[in-house]
Amino acid sequence: MPTIGDVFNPNSKAITSRQRHIVLVTLGSLLVLSCLFFSIGIFHSDPPQTYPPGWEYSMTVLHIVAFKLTDTANLPALSEGMLALKHQCVRDGKPYIRSAVGGKQTNKEGHDGGMQVVYLVEFENQADADYYTDHDPAHIAFKNTLGGLGFAGVTVLDFTPGEF
């Protein structure tokens, strides 16, 4: 039976390198989520009294996307395309992404799975998040450009604040 020590020991034969990679990426994703939870005050017993402009503590869906590229020179193009979706994604004739922010991954703990840049996109509700994921033509077109940017990996997570 492998132990947590086997994950961090590259010479261990108890797990394969692919299993080790999966565990480390998962741990990195959990770390990203924990940082986001603390930064927007999710772990407080009462909802924070103030939020950044446009944010509400309600049934919003937060969509986290972290990318890894083979060439970091393509990060500006990736960011331009990802953040432009806030205005390009339209449903029923109007934009439906409430907010979109992103930035370079800066955590130094070494559990980021190689992800270089992280985005947080806010939707009013699950229906809007599902439309974005499955049907939005602008989002689909953006995803089709990733190969040309040297796309090497992605982690995507959605959650509704306060729902466990």
N, C-alpha and C. Protein backbone atom coordinates (compact mmCIF):
# COMPACT_ATOMS: atom_id res chain seq x y z
N MET A 1 0.85 -1.17 0.00
CA MET A 1 0.00 0.00 0.00
C MET A 1 0.90 1.24 0.00
N PRO A 2 0.78 2.12 -1.02
CA PRO A 2 1.60 3.33 -1.08
C PRO A 2 1.25 4.30 0.05
N THR A 3 2.23 5.08 0.45
CA THR A 3 2.02 6.10 1.47
C THR A 3 2.20 7.48 0.84
N ILE A 4 1.88 8.52 1.59
CA ILE A 4 2.07 9.88 1.08
C ILE A 4 3.54 10.14 0.80
N GLY A 5 4.42 9.49 1.57
CA GLY A 5 5.85 9.64 1.33
C GLY A 5 6.26 9.15 -0.05
N ASP A 6 5.55 8.13 -0.57
CA ASP A 6 5.85 7.61 -1.90
C ASP A 6 5.57 8.64 -2.98
N VAL A 7 4.60 9.52 -2.74
CA VAL A 7 4.26 10.55 -3.72
C VAL A 7 5.43 11.52 -3.89
N PHE A 8 6.08 11.87 -2.78
CA PHE A 8 7.14 12.86 -2.82
C PHE A 8 8.54 12.25 -3.00
N ASN A 9 8.62 10.94 -3.11
CA ASN A 9 9.90 10.26 -3.31
C ASN A 9 9.96 9.78 -4.76
N PRO A 10 10.70 10.48 -5.63
CA PRO A 10 10.75 10.09 -7.04
C PRO A 10 11.38 8.71 -7.27
N ASN A 11 12.07 8.17 -6.29
CA ASN A 11 12.70 6.86 -6.43
C ASN A 11 11.81 5.72 -5.95
N SER A 12 10.66 6.06 -5.40
CA SER A 12 9.75 5.04 -4.88
C SER A 12 9.15 4.22 -6.02
N LYS A 13 9.09 2.92 -5.84
CA LYS A 13 8.50 2.02 -6.83
C LYS A 13 7.06 1.68 -6.47
N ALA A 14 6.54 2.26 -5.37
CA ALA A 14 5.19 1.93 -4.91
C ALA A 14 4.11 2.53 -5.81
N ILE A 15 4.44 3.63 -6.51
CA ILE A 15 3.48 4.22 -7.45
C ILE A 15 4.22 4.59 -8.73
N THR A 16 3.48 4.68 -9.82
CA THR A 16 4.08 5.03 -11.10
C THR A 16 4.26 6.55 -11.17
N SER A 17 5.07 7.00 -12.12
CA SER A 17 5.26 8.45 -12.26
C SER A 17 3.96 9.13 -12.68
N ARG A 18 3.12 8.44 -13.46
CA ARG A 18 1.82 9.01 -13.85
C ARG A 18 0.93 9.17 -12.62
N GLN A 19 0.89 8.17 -11.75
CA GLN A 19 0.09 8.27 -10.52
C GLN A 19 0.61 9.41 -9.64
N ARG A 20 1.95 9.53 -9.55
CA ARG A 20 2.55 10.60 -8.77
C ARG A 20 2.13 11.95 -9.34
N HIS A 21 2.18 12.09 -10.67
CA HIS A 21 1.79 13.34 -11.33
C HIS A 21 0.32 13.67 -11.03
N ILE A 22 -0.55 12.69 -11.12
CA ILE A 22 -1.98 12.92 -10.87
C ILE A 22 -2.20 13.39 -9.44
N VAL A 23 -1.53 12.75 -8.49
CA VAL A 23 -1.69 13.15 -7.08
C VAL A 23 -1.16 14.56 -6.87
N LEU A 24 -0.02 14.90 -7.45
CA LEU A 24 0.55 16.23 -7.26
C LEU A 24 -0.31 17.31 -7.92
N VAL A 25 -0.86 17.03 -9.10
CA VAL A 25 -1.75 18.00 -9.75
C VAL A 25 -3.01 18.20 -8.92
N THR A 26 -3.54 17.10 -8.38
CA THR A 26 -4.73 17.21 -7.53
C THR A 26 -4.43 18.03 -6.28
N LEU A 27 -3.31 17.77 -5.64
CA LEU A 27 -2.92 18.54 -4.46
C LEU A 27 -2.73 20.02 -4.82
N GLY A 28 -2.13 20.28 -5.98
CA GLY A 28 -1.95 21.65 -6.42
C GLY A 28 -3.28 22.35 -6.65
N SER A 29 -4.23 21.63 -7.24
CA SER A 29 -5.57 22.20 -7.47
C SER A 29 -6.25 22.52 -6.15
N LEU A 30 -6.12 21.62 -5.18
CA LEU A 30 -6.71 21.88 -3.87
C LEU A 30 -6.06 23.08 -3.20
N LEU A 31 -4.78 23.25 -3.41
CA LEU A 31 -4.08 24.40 -2.86
C LEU A 31 -4.60 25.69 -3.49
N VAL A 32 -4.78 25.69 -4.80
CA VAL A 32 -5.32 26.86 -5.50
C VAL A 32 -6.70 27.19 -4.95
N LEU A 33 -7.54 26.17 -4.80
CA LEU A 33 -8.88 26.40 -4.25
C LEU A 33 -8.82 26.98 -2.84
N SER A 34 -7.95 26.44 -2.00
CA SER A 34 -7.82 26.93 -0.63
C SER A 34 -7.42 28.40 -0.62
N CYS A 35 -6.47 28.76 -1.47
CA CYS A 35 -6.05 30.16 -1.54
C CYS A 35 -7.21 31.05 -1.99
N LEU A 36 -7.97 30.59 -2.99
CA LEU A 36 -9.11 31.37 -3.44
C LEU A 36 -10.18 31.48 -2.37
N PHE A 37 -10.45 30.40 -1.65
CA PHE A 37 -11.45 30.43 -0.58
C PHE A 37 -11.06 31.48 0.47
N PHE A 38 -9.80 31.48 0.87
CA PHE A 38 -9.37 32.44 1.89
C PHE A 38 -9.39 33.85 1.34
N SER A 39 -9.03 34.04 0.06
CA SER A 39 -8.96 35.39 -0.48
C SER A 39 -10.32 36.03 -0.63
N ILE A 40 -11.39 35.25 -0.83
CA ILE A 40 -12.71 35.86 -0.94
C ILE A 40 -13.55 35.64 0.31
N GLY A 41 -12.94 35.10 1.36
CA GLY A 41 -13.58 35.04 2.66
C GLY A 41 -14.56 33.91 2.86
N ILE A 42 -14.45 32.82 2.11
CA ILE A 42 -15.40 31.72 2.21
C ILE A 42 -15.35 31.03 3.56
N PHE A 43 -14.18 30.98 4.22
CA PHE A 43 -14.05 30.26 5.46
C PHE A 43 -14.46 31.08 6.68
N HIS A 44 -14.98 32.27 6.48
CA HIS A 44 -15.48 33.06 7.61
C HIS A 44 -16.83 32.50 8.03
N SER A 45 -17.17 32.61 9.30
CA SER A 45 -18.46 32.10 9.76
C SER A 45 -19.61 32.93 9.21
N ASP A 46 -19.39 34.21 9.00
CA ASP A 46 -20.39 35.08 8.38
C ASP A 46 -19.84 35.53 7.04
N PRO A 47 -20.70 35.72 6.05
CA PRO A 47 -20.20 36.24 4.78
C PRO A 47 -19.55 37.61 5.00
N PRO A 48 -18.47 37.90 4.28
CA PRO A 48 -17.85 39.22 4.42
C PRO A 48 -18.88 40.31 4.10
N GLN A 49 -18.69 41.47 4.68
CA GLN A 49 -19.63 42.57 4.50
C GLN A 49 -19.43 43.28 3.17
N THR A 50 -18.23 43.22 2.61
CA THR A 50 -17.99 43.90 1.35
C THR A 50 -17.34 42.94 0.38
N TYR A 51 -17.56 43.18 -0.90
CA TYR A 51 -17.00 42.37 -1.98
C TYR A 51 -16.45 43.30 -3.04
N PRO A 52 -15.57 42.78 -3.89
CA PRO A 52 -15.12 43.60 -5.01
C PRO A 52 -16.33 44.02 -5.85
N PRO A 53 -16.24 45.11 -6.59
CA PRO A 53 -17.37 45.56 -7.42
C PRO A 53 -17.90 44.43 -8.31
N GLY A 54 -19.20 44.25 -8.31
CA GLY A 54 -19.83 43.24 -9.15
C GLY A 54 -19.98 41.88 -8.50
N TRP A 55 -19.42 41.66 -7.31
CA TRP A 55 -19.51 40.36 -6.66
C TRP A 55 -20.64 40.36 -5.64
N GLU A 56 -21.30 39.23 -5.53
CA GLU A 56 -22.32 39.05 -4.51
C GLU A 56 -22.15 37.67 -3.89
N TYR A 57 -22.53 37.55 -2.64
CA TYR A 57 -22.46 36.26 -1.95
C TYR A 57 -23.83 35.61 -2.09
N SER A 58 -24.08 35.00 -3.24
CA SER A 58 -25.37 34.37 -3.48
C SER A 58 -25.15 33.08 -4.25
N MET A 59 -26.00 32.80 -5.21
CA MET A 59 -25.92 31.55 -5.94
C MET A 59 -24.97 31.62 -7.13
N THR A 60 -24.02 32.53 -7.10
CA THR A 60 -23.07 32.62 -8.20
C THR A 60 -22.25 31.34 -8.30
N VAL A 61 -21.76 31.09 -9.50
CA VAL A 61 -20.87 29.96 -9.74
C VAL A 61 -19.51 30.53 -10.11
N LEU A 62 -18.49 30.08 -9.40
CA LEU A 62 -17.12 30.50 -9.68
C LEU A 62 -16.43 29.39 -10.46
N HIS A 63 -15.82 29.77 -11.56
CA HIS A 63 -15.19 28.86 -12.52
C HIS A 63 -13.69 29.16 -12.49
N ILE A 64 -12.91 28.20 -12.04
CA ILE A 64 -11.46 28.36 -11.92
C ILE A 64 -10.79 27.59 -13.05
N VAL A 65 -9.90 28.25 -13.77
CA VAL A 65 -9.18 27.60 -14.86
C VAL A 65 -7.69 27.91 -14.70
N ALA A 66 -6.87 26.88 -14.68
CA ALA A 66 -5.42 27.04 -14.61
C ALA A 66 -4.81 26.37 -15.84
N PHE A 67 -3.91 27.08 -16.53
CA PHE A 67 -3.31 26.58 -17.76
C PHE A 67 -1.81 26.35 -17.59
N LYS A 68 -1.32 25.40 -18.40
CA LYS A 68 0.11 25.17 -18.56
C LYS A 68 0.38 25.20 -20.06
N LEU A 69 1.38 26.00 -20.47
CA LEU A 69 1.77 26.10 -21.87
C LEU A 69 3.20 25.61 -22.04
N THR A 70 3.51 25.13 -23.24
CA THR A 70 4.88 24.69 -23.52
C THR A 70 5.81 25.89 -23.69
N ASP A 71 5.27 27.05 -24.05
CA ASP A 71 6.07 28.25 -24.26
C ASP A 71 5.42 29.42 -23.52
N THR A 72 6.06 29.90 -22.46
CA THR A 72 5.48 30.98 -21.67
C THR A 72 5.38 32.29 -22.44
N ALA A 73 6.05 32.41 -23.58
CA ALA A 73 5.92 33.61 -24.40
C ALA A 73 4.49 33.76 -24.92
N ASN A 74 3.71 32.68 -24.91
CA ASN A 74 2.32 32.72 -25.38
C ASN A 74 1.33 33.10 -24.28
N LEU A 75 1.80 33.30 -23.04
CA LEU A 75 0.89 33.66 -21.95
C LEU A 75 0.12 34.96 -22.20
N PRO A 76 0.75 36.01 -22.76
CA PRO A 76 -0.05 37.23 -23.02
C PRO A 76 -1.19 36.98 -24.01
N ALA A 77 -0.96 36.20 -25.05
CA ALA A 77 -2.02 35.90 -26.02
C ALA A 77 -3.12 35.06 -25.38
N LEU A 78 -2.73 34.10 -24.54
CA LEU A 78 -3.71 33.29 -23.82
C LEU A 78 -4.57 34.18 -22.92
N SER A 79 -3.92 35.07 -22.17
CA SER A 79 -4.65 35.94 -21.24
C SER A 79 -5.57 36.89 -21.98
N GLU A 80 -5.11 37.44 -23.08
CA GLU A 80 -5.95 38.34 -23.86
C GLU A 80 -7.21 37.62 -24.33
N GLY A 81 -7.04 36.41 -24.85
CA GLY A 81 -8.19 35.63 -25.32
C GLY A 81 -9.13 35.22 -24.20
N MET A 82 -8.56 34.77 -23.09
CA MET A 82 -9.39 34.31 -21.98
C MET A 82 -10.19 35.45 -21.37
N LEU A 83 -9.55 36.58 -21.13
CA LEU A 83 -10.24 37.71 -20.50
C LEU A 83 -11.22 38.40 -21.45
N ALA A 84 -10.99 38.31 -22.75
CA ALA A 84 -11.92 38.89 -23.73
C ALA A 84 -13.26 38.16 -23.74
N LEU A 85 -13.27 36.92 -23.25
CA LEU A 85 -14.52 36.15 -23.24
C LEU A 85 -15.61 36.85 -22.41
N LYS A 86 -15.22 37.64 -21.42
CA LYS A 86 -16.21 38.35 -20.59
C LYS A 86 -17.14 39.19 -21.47
N HIS A 87 -16.61 39.75 -22.54
CA HIS A 87 -17.42 40.60 -23.42
C HIS A 87 -17.90 39.86 -24.67
N GLN A 88 -17.21 38.81 -25.05
CA GLN A 88 -17.56 38.08 -26.26
C GLN A 88 -18.67 37.04 -26.03
N CYS A 89 -18.77 36.51 -24.84
CA CYS A 89 -19.76 35.47 -24.56
C CYS A 89 -21.12 36.14 -24.32
N VAL A 90 -22.06 35.80 -25.19
CA VAL A 90 -23.39 36.41 -25.17
C VAL A 90 -24.44 35.31 -25.13
N ARG A 91 -25.45 35.51 -24.29
CA ARG A 91 -26.57 34.57 -24.18
C ARG A 91 -27.85 35.39 -24.16
N ASP A 92 -28.79 35.05 -25.01
CA ASP A 92 -30.04 35.80 -25.12
C ASP A 92 -29.78 37.27 -25.41
N GLY A 93 -28.77 37.54 -26.23
CA GLY A 93 -28.49 38.89 -26.68
C GLY A 93 -27.69 39.78 -25.75
N LYS A 94 -27.22 39.23 -24.62
CA LYS A 94 -26.45 40.08 -23.70
C LYS A 94 -25.32 39.27 -23.06
N PRO A 95 -24.22 39.97 -22.70
CA PRO A 95 -23.12 39.28 -22.00
C PRO A 95 -23.62 38.70 -20.67
N TYR A 96 -23.10 37.55 -20.31
CA TYR A 96 -23.59 36.88 -19.09
C TYR A 96 -22.48 36.53 -18.10
N ILE A 97 -21.24 36.79 -18.44
CA ILE A 97 -20.15 36.57 -17.49
C ILE A 97 -20.11 37.79 -16.58
N ARG A 98 -20.28 37.56 -15.28
CA ARG A 98 -20.34 38.68 -14.31
C ARG A 98 -18.97 39.31 -14.11
N SER A 99 -17.93 38.50 -13.99
CA SER A 99 -16.58 39.03 -13.82
C SER A 99 -15.58 37.99 -14.28
N ALA A 100 -14.41 38.48 -14.64
CA ALA A 100 -13.32 37.59 -15.07
C ALA A 100 -12.01 38.26 -14.68
N VAL A 101 -11.19 37.55 -13.93
CA VAL A 101 -9.88 38.03 -13.53
C VAL A 101 -8.88 36.90 -13.71
N GLY A 102 -7.63 37.27 -13.80
CA GLY A 102 -6.61 36.24 -13.94
C GLY A 102 -5.25 36.80 -13.63
N GLY A 103 -4.28 35.89 -13.53
CA GLY A 103 -2.92 36.31 -13.28
C GLY A 103 -1.97 35.13 -13.25
N LYS A 104 -0.70 35.47 -13.20
CA LYS A 104 0.36 34.47 -13.16
C LYS A 104 0.29 33.69 -11.85
N GLN A 105 0.47 32.39 -11.92
CA GLN A 105 0.52 31.53 -10.73
C GLN A 105 1.80 31.88 -9.98
N THR A 106 1.68 32.26 -8.71
CA THR A 106 2.85 32.71 -7.97
C THR A 106 3.16 31.87 -6.73
N ASN A 107 2.37 30.84 -6.46
CA ASN A 107 2.61 30.04 -5.27
C ASN A 107 3.94 29.30 -5.40
N LYS A 108 4.72 29.28 -4.34
CA LYS A 108 6.07 28.70 -4.38
C LYS A 108 6.17 27.34 -3.70
N GLU A 109 5.04 26.75 -3.31
CA GLU A 109 5.09 25.49 -2.58
C GLU A 109 5.42 24.28 -3.46
N GLY A 110 5.33 24.44 -4.78
CA GLY A 110 5.70 23.35 -5.67
C GLY A 110 4.60 22.33 -5.94
N HIS A 111 3.36 22.68 -5.64
CA HIS A 111 2.25 21.75 -5.87
C HIS A 111 1.29 22.28 -6.92
N ASP A 112 1.81 23.06 -7.85
CA ASP A 112 0.95 23.69 -8.85
C ASP A 112 0.74 22.85 -10.10
N GLY A 113 1.36 21.68 -10.15
CA GLY A 113 1.20 20.81 -11.31
C GLY A 113 1.74 21.43 -12.58
N GLY A 114 2.59 22.43 -12.46
CA GLY A 114 3.16 23.08 -13.64
C GLY A 114 2.27 24.16 -14.24
N MET A 115 1.13 24.41 -13.60
CA MET A 115 0.22 25.45 -14.11
C MET A 115 0.89 26.81 -13.96
N GLN A 116 0.76 27.65 -15.00
CA GLN A 116 1.48 28.92 -15.02
C GLN A 116 0.58 30.14 -14.84
N VAL A 117 -0.70 30.01 -15.16
CA VAL A 117 -1.60 31.15 -15.09
C VAL A 117 -2.98 30.64 -14.66
N VAL A 118 -3.68 31.46 -13.85
CA VAL A 118 -4.97 31.05 -13.28
C VAL A 118 -6.00 32.15 -13.55
N TYR A 119 -7.23 31.73 -13.86
CA TYR A 119 -8.34 32.66 -14.09
C TYR A 119 -9.51 32.28 -13.21
N LEU A 120 -10.26 33.28 -12.79
CA LEU A 120 -11.47 33.10 -12.02
C LEU A 120 -12.60 33.82 -12.75
N VAL A 121 -13.58 33.05 -13.19
CA VAL A 121 -14.71 33.60 -13.95
C VAL A 121 -15.97 33.39 -13.11
N GLU A 122 -16.79 34.44 -12.99
CA GLU A 122 -18.00 34.37 -12.17
C GLU A 122 -19.24 34.39 -13.06
N PHE A 123 -20.16 33.46 -12.78
CA PHE A 123 -21.44 33.39 -13.49
C PHE A 123 -22.57 33.63 -12.49
N GLU A 124 -23.67 34.16 -12.97
CA GLU A 124 -24.84 34.44 -12.13
C GLU A 124 -25.43 33.16 -11.54
N ASN A 125 -25.39 32.06 -12.33
CA ASN A 125 -26.04 30.81 -11.90
C ASN A 125 -25.44 29.63 -12.65
N GLN A 126 -25.86 28.43 -12.27
CA GLN A 126 -25.33 27.21 -12.88
C GLN A 126 -25.72 27.10 -14.35
N ALA A 127 -26.90 27.58 -14.71
CA ALA A 127 -27.34 27.51 -16.11
C ALA A 127 -26.40 28.31 -17.01
N ASP A 128 -25.97 29.49 -16.56
CA ASP A 128 -25.02 30.28 -17.35
C ASP A 128 -23.67 29.57 -17.44
N ALA A 129 -23.22 28.98 -16.34
CA ALA A 129 -21.94 28.26 -16.35
C ALA A 129 -22.02 27.06 -17.30
N ASP A 130 -23.13 26.35 -17.28
CA ASP A 130 -23.30 25.20 -18.17
C ASP A 130 -23.34 25.63 -19.63
N TYR A 131 -24.02 26.75 -19.92
CA TYR A 131 -24.08 27.25 -21.30
C TYR A 131 -22.67 27.60 -21.77
N TYR A 132 -21.91 28.27 -20.93
CA TYR A 132 -20.53 28.64 -21.25
C TYR A 132 -19.70 27.39 -21.57
N THR A 133 -19.81 26.40 -20.72
CA THR A 133 -19.01 25.19 -20.87
C THR A 133 -19.38 24.40 -22.12
N ASP A 134 -20.68 24.27 -22.37
CA ASP A 134 -21.13 23.33 -23.41
C ASP A 134 -21.56 23.95 -24.73
N HIS A 135 -21.97 25.23 -24.75
CA HIS A 135 -22.62 25.74 -25.96
C HIS A 135 -22.13 27.08 -26.48
N ASP A 136 -21.49 27.89 -25.66
CA ASP A 136 -21.15 29.24 -26.10
C ASP A 136 -20.16 29.22 -27.26
N PRO A 137 -20.55 29.80 -28.43
CA PRO A 137 -19.67 29.77 -29.60
C PRO A 137 -18.33 30.49 -29.37
N ALA A 138 -18.33 31.59 -28.63
CA ALA A 138 -17.07 32.31 -28.38
C ALA A 138 -16.13 31.47 -27.52
N HIS A 139 -16.67 30.80 -26.52
CA HIS A 139 -15.84 29.94 -25.65
C HIS A 139 -15.31 28.75 -26.44
N ILE A 140 -16.15 28.15 -27.27
CA ILE A 140 -15.71 27.01 -28.09
C ILE A 140 -14.61 27.45 -29.05
N ALA A 141 -14.77 28.63 -29.67
CA ALA A 141 -13.74 29.14 -30.58
C ALA A 141 -12.43 29.39 -29.83
N PHE A 142 -12.52 29.95 -28.62
CA PHE A 142 -11.33 30.17 -27.81
C PHE A 142 -10.62 28.84 -27.52
N LYS A 143 -11.37 27.83 -27.11
CA LYS A 143 -10.76 26.53 -26.81
C LYS A 143 -10.04 25.97 -28.03
N ASN A 144 -10.57 26.24 -29.23
CA ASN A 144 -9.95 25.74 -30.46
C ASN A 144 -8.63 26.44 -30.78
N THR A 145 -8.35 27.59 -30.15
CA THR A 145 -7.08 28.30 -30.39
C THR A 145 -5.96 27.80 -29.48
N LEU A 146 -6.29 27.02 -28.46
CA LEU A 146 -5.29 26.64 -27.46
C LEU A 146 -4.14 25.82 -28.04
N GLY A 147 -4.41 24.97 -29.01
CA GLY A 147 -3.35 24.17 -29.62
C GLY A 147 -2.28 25.04 -30.25
N GLY A 148 -2.68 26.14 -30.87
CA GLY A 148 -1.73 27.06 -31.48
C GLY A 148 -0.91 27.85 -30.48
N LEU A 149 -1.34 27.84 -29.23
CA LEU A 149 -0.61 28.55 -28.18
C LEU A 149 0.33 27.63 -27.41
N GLY A 150 0.45 26.38 -27.83
CA GLY A 150 1.31 25.44 -27.12
C GLY A 150 0.67 24.92 -25.86
N PHE A 151 -0.63 24.68 -25.91
CA PHE A 151 -1.39 24.16 -24.78
C PHE A 151 -0.80 22.85 -24.30
N ALA A 152 -0.48 22.77 -22.99
CA ALA A 152 0.11 21.55 -22.44
C ALA A 152 -0.70 20.96 -21.30
N GLY A 153 -1.67 21.70 -20.77
CA GLY A 153 -2.48 21.16 -19.69
C GLY A 153 -3.42 22.21 -19.13
N VAL A 154 -4.48 21.72 -18.49
CA VAL A 154 -5.46 22.61 -17.88
C VAL A 154 -6.09 21.92 -16.68
N THR A 155 -6.45 22.70 -15.67
CA THR A 155 -7.25 22.23 -14.56
C THR A 155 -8.45 23.17 -14.48
N VAL A 156 -9.65 22.60 -14.46
CA VAL A 156 -10.88 23.40 -14.42
C VAL A 156 -11.73 22.94 -13.25
N LEU A 157 -12.17 23.89 -12.43
CA LEU A 157 -12.99 23.59 -11.26
C LEU A 157 -14.11 24.63 -11.18
N ASP A 158 -15.30 24.21 -10.82
CA ASP A 158 -16.41 25.12 -10.58
C ASP A 158 -16.94 24.89 -9.16
N PHE A 159 -17.43 25.96 -8.53
CA PHE A 159 -18.10 25.79 -7.24
C PHE A 159 -19.03 26.96 -6.98
N THR A 160 -20.00 26.74 -6.12
CA THR A 160 -20.89 27.78 -5.64
C THR A 160 -20.50 28.08 -4.20
N PRO A 161 -20.14 29.33 -3.90
CA PRO A 161 -19.71 29.65 -2.53
C PRO A 161 -20.75 29.25 -1.49
N GLY A 162 -20.28 28.58 -0.46
CA GLY A 162 -21.14 28.18 0.64
C GLY A 162 -21.85 26.85 0.45
N GLU A 163 -21.80 26.26 -0.74
CA GLU A 163 -22.43 24.95 -0.97
C GLU A 163 -21.38 23.87 -0.83
N PHE A 164 -21.61 22.96 0.10
CA PHE A 164 -20.65 21.87 0.35
C PHE A 164 -21.31 20.53 0.18
